[in-house]
C-alpha atoms as a PDB file:
ATOM      1  CA  MET A   1      -5.996   3.583  -9.838  1.00  0.00           C
ATOM      2  CA  GLU A   2      -7.025   6.894 -11.394  1.00  0.00           C
ATOM      3  CA  SER A   3      -6.188   7.289 -15.052  1.00  0.00           C
ATOM      4  CA  GLY A   4      -4.740  10.725 -15.697  1.00  0.00           C
ATOM      5  CA  ASN A   5      -4.458  11.623 -12.004  1.00  0.00           C
ATOM      6  CA  THR A   6      -0.804  11.332 -10.994  1.00  0.00           C
ATOM      7  CA  LEU A   7      -0.989  13.158  -7.654  1.00  0.00           C
ATOM      8  CA  LEU A   8      -0.341  10.133  -5.419  1.00  0.00           C
ATOM      9  CA  ASP A   9       2.328   8.674  -7.717  1.00  0.00           C
ATOM     10  CA  ASP A  10       4.078  12.064  -7.833  1.00  0.00           C
ATOM     11  CA  TYR A  11       3.908  12.257  -4.049  1.00  0.00           C
ATOM     12  CA  VAL A  12       5.586   8.856  -3.717  1.00  0.00           C
ATOM     13  CA  LEU A  13       8.335   9.812  -6.185  1.00  0.00           C
ATOM     14  CA  GLY A  14       8.923  12.958  -4.151  1.00  0.00           C
ATOM     15  CA  LEU A  15       9.753  10.865  -1.063  1.00  0.00           C
ATOM     16  CA  ALA A  16      12.817   9.353  -2.721  1.00  0.00           C
ATOM     17  CA  PRO A  17      16.267  10.876  -2.123  1.00  0.00           C
ATOM     18  CA  SER A  18      17.092  10.846  -5.844  1.00  0.00           C
ATOM     19  CA  ALA A  19      15.767  13.163  -8.564  1.00  0.00           C
ATOM     20  CA  ARG A  20      15.385  10.076 -10.790  1.00  0.00           C
ATOM     21  CA  PRO A  21      14.538   7.331  -8.304  1.00  0.00           C
ATOM     22  CA  ARG A  22      14.734   3.604  -8.886  1.00  0.00           C
ATOM     23  CA  VAL A  23      11.220   2.177  -8.600  1.00  0.00           C
ATOM     24  CA  CYS A  24      10.500  -1.562  -8.560  1.00  0.00           C
ATOM     25  CA  PHE A  25       6.965  -2.856  -9.071  1.00  0.00           C
ATOM     26  CA  LEU A  26       5.751  -6.066  -7.386  1.00  0.00           C
ATOM     27  CA  PRO A  27       2.569  -7.224  -9.221  1.00  0.00           C
ATOM     28  CA  SER A  28       2.349 -10.469  -7.193  1.00  0.00           C
ATOM     29  CA  ALA A  29      -1.217  -9.848  -5.946  1.00  0.00           C
ATOM     30  CA  SER A  30      -2.490  -9.923  -9.551  1.00  0.00           C
ATOM     31  CA  GLY A  31      -0.528 -13.037 -10.487  1.00  0.00           C
ATOM     32  CA  ASP A  32       1.909 -10.787 -12.407  1.00  0.00           C
ATOM     33  CA  ALA A  33      -0.814  -9.848 -14.887  1.00  0.00           C
ATOM     34  CA  ASP A  34       0.670  -8.473 -18.111  1.00  0.00           C
ATOM     35  CA  HIS A  35      -1.786  -5.596 -18.379  1.00  0.00           C
ATOM     36  CA  TYR A  36      -0.927  -4.447 -14.857  1.00  0.00           C
ATOM     37  CA  ILE A  37       2.809  -4.466 -15.551  1.00  0.00           C
ATOM     38  CA  VAL A  38       2.213  -2.437 -18.733  1.00  0.00           C
ATOM     39  CA  ARG A  39       0.141   0.074 -16.752  1.00  0.00           C
ATOM     40  CA  PHE A  40       2.963   0.455 -14.243  1.00  0.00           C
ATOM     41  CA  TYR A  41       5.535   1.294 -16.921  1.00  0.00           C
ATOM     42  CA  ARG A  42       3.131   3.815 -18.422  1.00  0.00           C
ATOM     43  CA  ALA A  43       2.544   5.455 -15.033  1.00  0.00           C
ATOM     44  CA  PHE A  44       6.257   5.470 -14.140  1.00  0.00           C
ATOM     45  CA  PRO A  45       8.053   6.257 -17.418  1.00  0.00           C
ATOM     46  CA  ALA A  46      11.821   6.235 -17.779  1.00  0.00           C
ATOM     47  CA  SER A  47      11.721  10.006 -18.167  1.00  0.00           C
ATOM     48  CA  SER A  48      10.794  10.411 -14.482  1.00  0.00           C
ATOM     49  CA  CYS A  49      12.442   7.384 -12.814  1.00  0.00           C
ATOM     50  CA  GLU A  50      14.233   4.084 -13.374  1.00  0.00           C
ATOM     51  CA  PRO A  51      11.336   1.599 -13.436  1.00  0.00           C
ATOM     52  CA  SER A  52      11.620  -2.172 -13.077  1.00  0.00           C
ATOM     53  CA  HIS A  53       9.541  -5.094 -11.880  1.00  0.00           C
ATOM     54  CA  ILE A  54       9.906  -8.536 -10.337  1.00  0.00           C
ATOM     55  CA  SER A  55       7.790 -11.432 -11.543  1.00  0.00           C
ATOM     56  CA  LEU A  56       7.367 -14.477  -9.296  1.00  0.00           C
ATOM     57  CA  PHE A  57       5.085 -16.314 -11.704  1.00  0.00           C
ATOM     58  CA  ARG A  58       7.001 -15.782 -14.968  1.00  0.00           C
ATOM     59  CA  ARG A  59      10.703 -16.360 -14.590  1.00  0.00           C
ATOM     60  CA  GLU A  60      11.537 -15.065 -18.076  1.00  0.00           C
ATOM     61  CA  GLN A  61      10.401 -11.588 -17.033  1.00  0.00           C
ATOM     62  CA  GLY A  62      11.750  -8.991 -14.617  1.00  0.00           C
ATOM     63  CA  ALA A  63      14.799  -8.981 -12.344  1.00  0.00           C
ATOM     64  CA  LEU A  64      16.086 -12.421 -11.292  1.00  0.00           C
ATOM     65  CA  ASP A  65      18.226 -11.692  -8.216  1.00  0.00           C
ATOM     66  CA  PHE A  66      15.394 -10.645  -5.925  1.00  0.00           C
ATOM     67  CA  ARG A  67      17.360  -9.545  -2.877  1.00  0.00           C
ATOM     68  CA  SER A  68      20.077  -7.489  -4.531  1.00  0.00           C
ATOM     69  CA  HIS A  69      17.579  -5.835  -6.856  1.00  0.00           C
ATOM     70  CA  LEU A  70      15.048  -4.903  -4.183  1.00  0.00           C
ATOM     71  CA  LEU A  71      17.685  -3.601  -1.794  1.00  0.00           C
ATOM     72  CA  SER A  72      19.105  -1.371  -4.530  1.00  0.00           C
ATOM     73  CA  GLN A  73      15.807   0.476  -5.027  1.00  0.00           C
ATOM     74  CA  ASP A  74      14.625   3.854  -3.757  1.00  0.00           C
ATOM     75  CA  ILE A  75      10.945   2.831  -3.913  1.00  0.00           C
ATOM     76  CA  ILE A  76       9.180  -0.548  -3.914  1.00  0.00           C
ATOM     77  CA  TYR A  77       5.625  -0.299  -5.229  1.00  0.00           C
ATOM     78  CA  VAL A  78       3.170  -3.158  -4.596  1.00  0.00           C
ATOM     79  CA  GLY A  79       0.116  -3.552  -6.800  1.00  0.00           C
ATOM     80  CA  GLY A  80      -3.442  -4.512  -5.909  1.00  0.00           C
ATOM     81  CA  GLY A  81      -5.241  -7.835  -6.121  1.00  0.00           C
ATOM     82  CA  SER A  82      -5.376 -10.706  -3.634  1.00  0.00           C
ATOM     83  CA  VAL A  83      -3.416  -9.987  -0.458  1.00  0.00           C
ATOM     84  CA  VAL A  84      -3.806 -13.653   0.568  1.00  0.00           C
ATOM     85  CA  SER A  85      -2.134 -14.853  -2.645  1.00  0.00           C
ATOM     86  CA  LEU A  86       0.480 -12.098  -2.422  1.00  0.00           C
ATOM     87  CA  LEU A  87       1.567 -13.052   1.091  1.00  0.00           C
ATOM     88  CA  GLY A  88       1.643 -16.743   0.237  1.00  0.00           C
ATOM     89  CA  VAL A  89       3.920 -16.367  -2.769  1.00  0.00           C
ATOM     90  CA  TRP A  90       6.136 -13.811  -1.015  1.00  0.00           C
ATOM     91  CA  ARG A  91       6.730 -16.169   1.899  1.00  0.00           C
ATOM     92  CA  ALA A  92       7.441 -19.052  -0.459  1.00  0.00           C
ATOM     93  CA  HIS A  93      10.170 -17.027  -2.194  1.00  0.00           C
ATOM     94  CA  GLY A  94      11.518 -15.214   0.864  1.00  0.00           C
ATOM     95  CA  ILE A  95      10.331 -11.828  -0.383  1.00  0.00           C
ATOM     96  CA  ASP A  96       8.754 -11.083   3.005  1.00  0.00           C
ATOM     97  CA  GLU A  97      12.164 -11.136   4.720  1.00  0.00           C
ATOM     98  CA  ILE A  98      13.770  -9.072   1.954  1.00  0.00           C
ATOM     99  CA  LEU A  99      11.057  -6.427   2.304  1.00  0.00           C
ATOM    100  CA  ARG A 100      11.739  -6.218   6.040  1.00  0.00           C
ATOM    101  CA  GLU A 101      15.395  -5.573   5.197  1.00  0.00           C
ATOM    102  CA  ALA A 102      14.333  -2.909   2.706  1.00  0.00           C
ATOM    103  CA  TRP A 103      12.103  -1.234   5.294  1.00  0.00           C
ATOM    104  CA  GLU A 104      14.877  -1.213   7.894  1.00  0.00           C
ATOM    105  CA  ALA A 105      17.228   0.274   5.269  1.00  0.00           C
ATOM    106  CA  GLY A 106      14.872   3.218   4.703  1.00  0.00           C
ATOM    107  CA  ILE A 107      13.605   2.248   1.252  1.00  0.00           C
ATOM    108  CA  VAL A 108      10.147   3.709   0.545  1.00  0.00           C
ATOM    109  CA  LEU A 109       7.522   0.930   0.605  1.00  0.00           C
ATOM    110  CA  CYS A 110       4.104   1.697  -0.845  1.00  0.00           C
ATOM    111  CA  GLY A 111       1.151   0.286  -2.703  1.00  0.00           C
ATOM    112  CA  LEU A 112      -2.564   0.365  -3.206  1.00  0.00           C
ATOM    113  CA  SER A 113      -5.317  -1.994  -2.040  1.00  0.00           C
ATOM    114  CA  ALA A 114      -3.483  -5.287  -1.323  1.00  0.00           C
ATOM    115  CA  GLY A 115      -0.305  -3.229  -1.606  1.00  0.00           C
ATOM    116  CA  SER A 116      -1.458  -1.266   1.424  1.00  0.00           C
ATOM    117  CA  LEU A 117      -2.859  -4.136   3.484  1.00  0.00           C
ATOM    118  CA  CYS A 118       0.327  -6.209   3.280  1.00  0.00           C
ATOM    119  CA  TRP A 119       2.480  -3.924   5.467  1.00  0.00           C
ATOM    120  CA  PHE A 120       0.224  -4.109   8.535  1.00  0.00           C
ATOM    121  CA  ALA A 121      -0.030  -6.708  11.298  1.00  0.00           C
ATOM    122  CA  GLU A 122      -3.716  -7.313  10.494  1.00  0.00           C
ATOM    123  CA  SER A 123      -6.066  -6.189   7.776  1.00  0.00           C
ATOM    124  CA  VAL A 124      -9.494  -6.682   6.243  1.00  0.00           C
ATOM    125  CA  THR A 125      -9.656  -8.171   2.751  1.00  0.00           C
ATOM    126  CA  GLY A 126     -12.714  -8.690   0.566  1.00  0.00           C
ATOM    127  CA  PHE A 127     -11.020 -10.022  -2.566  1.00  0.00           C
ATOM    128  CA  HIS A 128     -12.178 -13.633  -2.154  1.00  0.00           C
ATOM    129  CA  GLY A 129     -15.791 -12.976  -1.161  1.00  0.00           C
ATOM    130  CA  ASP A 130     -17.095 -11.609   2.109  1.00  0.00           C
ATOM    131  CA  PRO A 131     -14.599  -9.328   3.919  1.00  0.00           C
ATOM    132  CA  ARG A 132     -12.504 -11.139   6.519  1.00  0.00           C
ATOM    133  CA  ALA A 133      -9.424 -10.638   8.688  1.00  0.00           C
ATOM    134  CA  VAL A 134      -5.954 -11.632   7.496  1.00  0.00           C
ATOM    135  CA  GLU A 135      -2.466 -11.353   9.005  1.00  0.00           C
ATOM    136  CA  GLY A 136       0.055  -9.223   7.115  1.00  0.00           C
ATOM    137  CA  LEU A 137       3.822  -8.732   7.276  1.00  0.00           C
ATOM    138  CA  GLY A 138       3.588  -6.823  10.552  1.00  0.00           C
ATOM    139  CA  LEU A 139       6.015  -4.029   9.652  1.00  0.00           C
ATOM    140  CA  LEU A 140       3.366  -1.643  10.959  1.00  0.00           C
ATOM    141  CA  PRO A 141       1.860  -2.787  14.294  1.00  0.00           C
ATOM    142  CA  TRP A 142      -1.660  -1.696  13.362  1.00  0.00           C
ATOM    143  CA  SER A 143      -4.667  -2.991  11.455  1.00  0.00           C
ATOM    144  CA  ASN A 144      -5.690  -1.613   8.065  1.00  0.00           C
ATOM    145  CA  CYS A 145      -8.733  -1.410   5.824  1.00  0.00           C
ATOM    146  CA  VAL A 146      -8.832  -0.023   2.276  1.00  0.00           C
ATOM    147  CA  HIS A 147     -11.801   0.946   0.073  1.00  0.00           C
ATOM    148  CA  PHE A 148     -13.309   2.371   3.258  1.00  0.00           C
ATOM    149  CA  GLU A 149     -16.419   3.865   1.672  1.00  0.00           C
ATOM    150  CA  ALA A 150     -19.470   4.880   3.705  1.00  0.00           C
ATOM    151  CA  SER A 151     -21.803   2.500   1.842  1.00  0.00           C
ATOM    152  CA  GLY A 152     -19.312  -0.353   1.432  1.00  0.00           C
ATOM    153  CA  SER A 153     -19.228  -3.735   3.144  1.00  0.00           C
ATOM    154  CA  ARG A 154     -15.619  -3.337   4.281  1.00  0.00           C
ATOM    155  CA  ARG A 155     -16.442  -0.517   6.659  1.00  0.00           C
ATOM    156  CA  ASP A 156     -18.932  -2.707   8.543  1.00  0.00           C
ATOM    157  CA  ALA A 157     -16.552  -5.684   8.385  1.00  0.00           C
ATOM    158  CA  TYR A 158     -13.703  -3.631   9.843  1.00  0.00           C
ATOM    159  CA  ARG A 159     -15.880  -2.514  12.732  1.00  0.00           C
ATOM    160  CA  ARG A 160     -16.878  -6.143  13.424  1.00  0.00           C
ATOM    161  CA  CYS A 161     -13.247  -7.245  13.356  1.00  0.00           C
ATOM    162  CA  LEU A 162     -12.297  -4.538  15.853  1.00  0.00           C
ATOM    163  CA  LEU A 163     -15.102  -5.623  18.159  1.00  0.00           C
ATOM    164  CA  ASP A 164     -13.840  -9.219  17.838  1.00  0.00           C
ATOM    165  CA  GLY A 165     -10.372  -8.232  19.035  1.00  0.00           C
ATOM    166  CA  MET A 166      -8.497  -6.889  16.018  1.00  0.00           C
ATOM    167  CA  ARG A 167      -5.900  -4.308  17.051  1.00  0.00           C
ATOM    168  CA  PRO A 168      -6.582  -0.579  16.457  1.00  0.00           C
ATOM    169  CA  GLY A 169      -5.648   0.802  13.090  1.00  0.00           C
ATOM    170  CA  TYR A 170      -6.217   2.959  10.073  1.00  0.00           C
ATOM    171  CA  ALA A 171      -8.484   3.010   7.052  1.00  0.00           C
ATOM    172  CA  ALA A 172      -8.399   4.864   3.746  1.00  0.00           C
ATOM    173  CA  GLU A 173     -11.137   5.809   1.343  1.00  0.00           C
ATOM    174  CA  ASP A 174     -10.387   5.418  -2.372  1.00  0.00           C
ATOM    175  CA  GLY A 175      -8.072   8.253  -3.363  1.00  0.00           C
ATOM    176  CA  ALA A 176      -6.616   8.678   0.139  1.00  0.00           C
ATOM    177  CA  ALA A 177      -3.183   7.483   1.288  1.00  0.00           C
ATOM    178  CA  LEU A 178      -1.577   6.984   4.697  1.00  0.00           C
ATOM    179  CA  HIS A 179       2.058   8.063   4.992  1.00  0.00           C
ATOM    180  CA  PHE A 180       3.968   6.378   7.825  1.00  0.00           C
ATOM    181  CA  GLU A 181       7.465   7.254   8.989  1.00  0.00           C
ATOM    182  CA  GLY A 182       8.700   4.268  10.929  1.00  0.00           C
ATOM    183  CA  VAL A 183       5.619   2.879  12.651  1.00  0.00           C
ATOM    184  CA  HIS A 184       3.981   6.275  13.208  1.00  0.00           C
ATOM    185  CA  LEU A 185       1.480   7.989  10.938  1.00  0.00           C
ATOM    186  CA  ALA A 186       3.090  11.178   9.618  1.00  0.00           C
ATOM    187  CA  ARG A 187       0.196  12.454   7.516  1.00  0.00           C
ATOM    188  CA  ALA A 188      -2.742  11.513   5.330  1.00  0.00           C
ATOM    189  CA  VAL A 189      -2.896  12.802   1.752  1.00  0.00           C
ATOM    190  CA  SER A 190      -5.352  12.412  -1.102  1.00  0.00           C
ATOM    191  CA  SER A 191      -5.700  12.676  -4.865  1.00  0.00           C
ATOM    192  CA  ARG A 192      -9.387  13.584  -4.569  1.00  0.00           C
ATOM    193  CA  PRO A 193     -10.649  16.658  -2.681  1.00  0.00           C
ATOM    194  CA  GLN A 194     -13.111  14.738  -0.482  1.00  0.00           C
ATOM    195  CA  ALA A 195     -11.157  11.506   0.131  1.00  0.00           C
ATOM    196  CA  ARG A 196     -10.156  10.913   3.753  1.00  0.00           C
ATOM    197  CA  GLY A 197      -8.096   8.689   5.999  1.00  0.00           C
ATOM    198  CA  TRP A 198      -9.474   7.335   9.289  1.00  0.00           C
ATOM    199  CA  ARG A 199      -8.269   6.078  12.680  1.00  0.00           C
ATOM    200  CA  LEU A 200     -10.371   3.353  14.329  1.00  0.00           C
ATOM    201  CA  GLU A 201     -10.266   1.532  17.648  1.00  0.00           C
ATOM    202  CA  ARG A 202     -12.573  -0.322  19.972  1.00  0.00           C
ATOM    203  CA  ARG A 203     -13.978   1.668  22.869  1.00  0.00           C
ATOM    204  CA  GLY A 204     -15.997  -0.449  25.296  1.00  0.00           C
ATOM    205  CA  GLU A 205     -18.735  -2.185  23.335  1.00  0.00           C
ATOM    206  CA  GLY A 206     -18.421   0.130  20.347  1.00  0.00           C
ATOM    207  CA  VAL A 207     -15.920   1.406  17.797  1.00  0.00           C
ATOM    208  CA  MET A 208     -14.594   4.942  17.680  1.00  0.00           C
ATOM    209  CA  GLU A 209     -14.001   6.339  14.180  1.00  0.00           C
ATOM    210  CA  MET A 210     -11.856   9.460  13.945  1.00  0.00           C
ATOM    211  CA  ARG A 211     -11.562  11.195  10.576  1.00  0.00           C
ATOM    212  CA  LEU A 212      -7.976  12.256   9.940  1.00  0.00           C
ATOM    213  CA  ALA A 213      -6.961  15.665   8.677  1.00  0.00           C
ATOM    214  CA  THR A 214      -6.170  14.819   5.061  1.00  0.00           C
ATOM    215  CA  THR A 215      -4.231  17.071   2.696  1.00  0.00           C
ATOM    216  CA  TYR A 216      -5.543  17.210  -0.868  1.00  0.00           C
ATOM    217  CA  LEU A 217      -2.456  17.064  -3.084  1.00  0.00           C
ATOM    218  CA  GLY A 218      -4.085  19.227  -5.738  1.00  0.00           C
ATOM    219  CA  GLN A 219      -3.480  22.185  -3.417  1.00  0.00           C
ATOM    220  CA  LYS A 220       0.289  22.267  -3.733  1.00  0.00           C
ATOM    221  CA  ALA A 221       0.746  25.088  -1.264  1.00  0.00           C
ATOM    222  CA  LEU A 222      -0.628  22.891   1.541  1.00  0.00           C
ATOM    223  CA  VAL A 223       1.752  19.962   1.034  1.00  0.00           C
ATOM    224  CA  PRO A 224       4.738  19.934   3.443  1.00  0.00           C
ATOM    225  CA  ALA A 225       8.145  19.877   1.792  1.00  0.00           C
END
């Protein structure tokens, strides 16, 4: 997401148990766009990990045995794009059930934009026009909103969804990431000094927004081991 800024990617690699982790990229939300796959291999070079990808739209590319490959990884990284399209193609190929197995096995699951929304029970997507609610995989029993900028339409849409009955949840500004252990938020981190994570829930006829303490990863001394 940020050319030349590897703080969040380095943080994810640091969560793996191996010094040279196996990282599989799922570019499904972009329709397995070639340029996105190339960007992944540039961001995760073989010198730092064992990168791979799975293509659901182009069978001549990527690993072919989805289940065995995904369950052999240390990290599964999901790219951005359309979360609606991503969930549809995953369910058609059984990837949703494999990812639940991976989660239960302790494999690190991560992603940005649609790759964040997909893990939650509910989320707010604006990829196909006006922001709207969508059901995710439900690994995390919360709602989620990304690109949660003060002047953006998704912030207002998320508040409306909460007032309409969406479950409480978490939001992230661009450059911020939410790190869950199990179903509980362990910490919020960021690749930009001012980026923040948020907790939101309905309170009566309004919505309470609570800004989370967010650790800027550029200050190495502040990052827990």
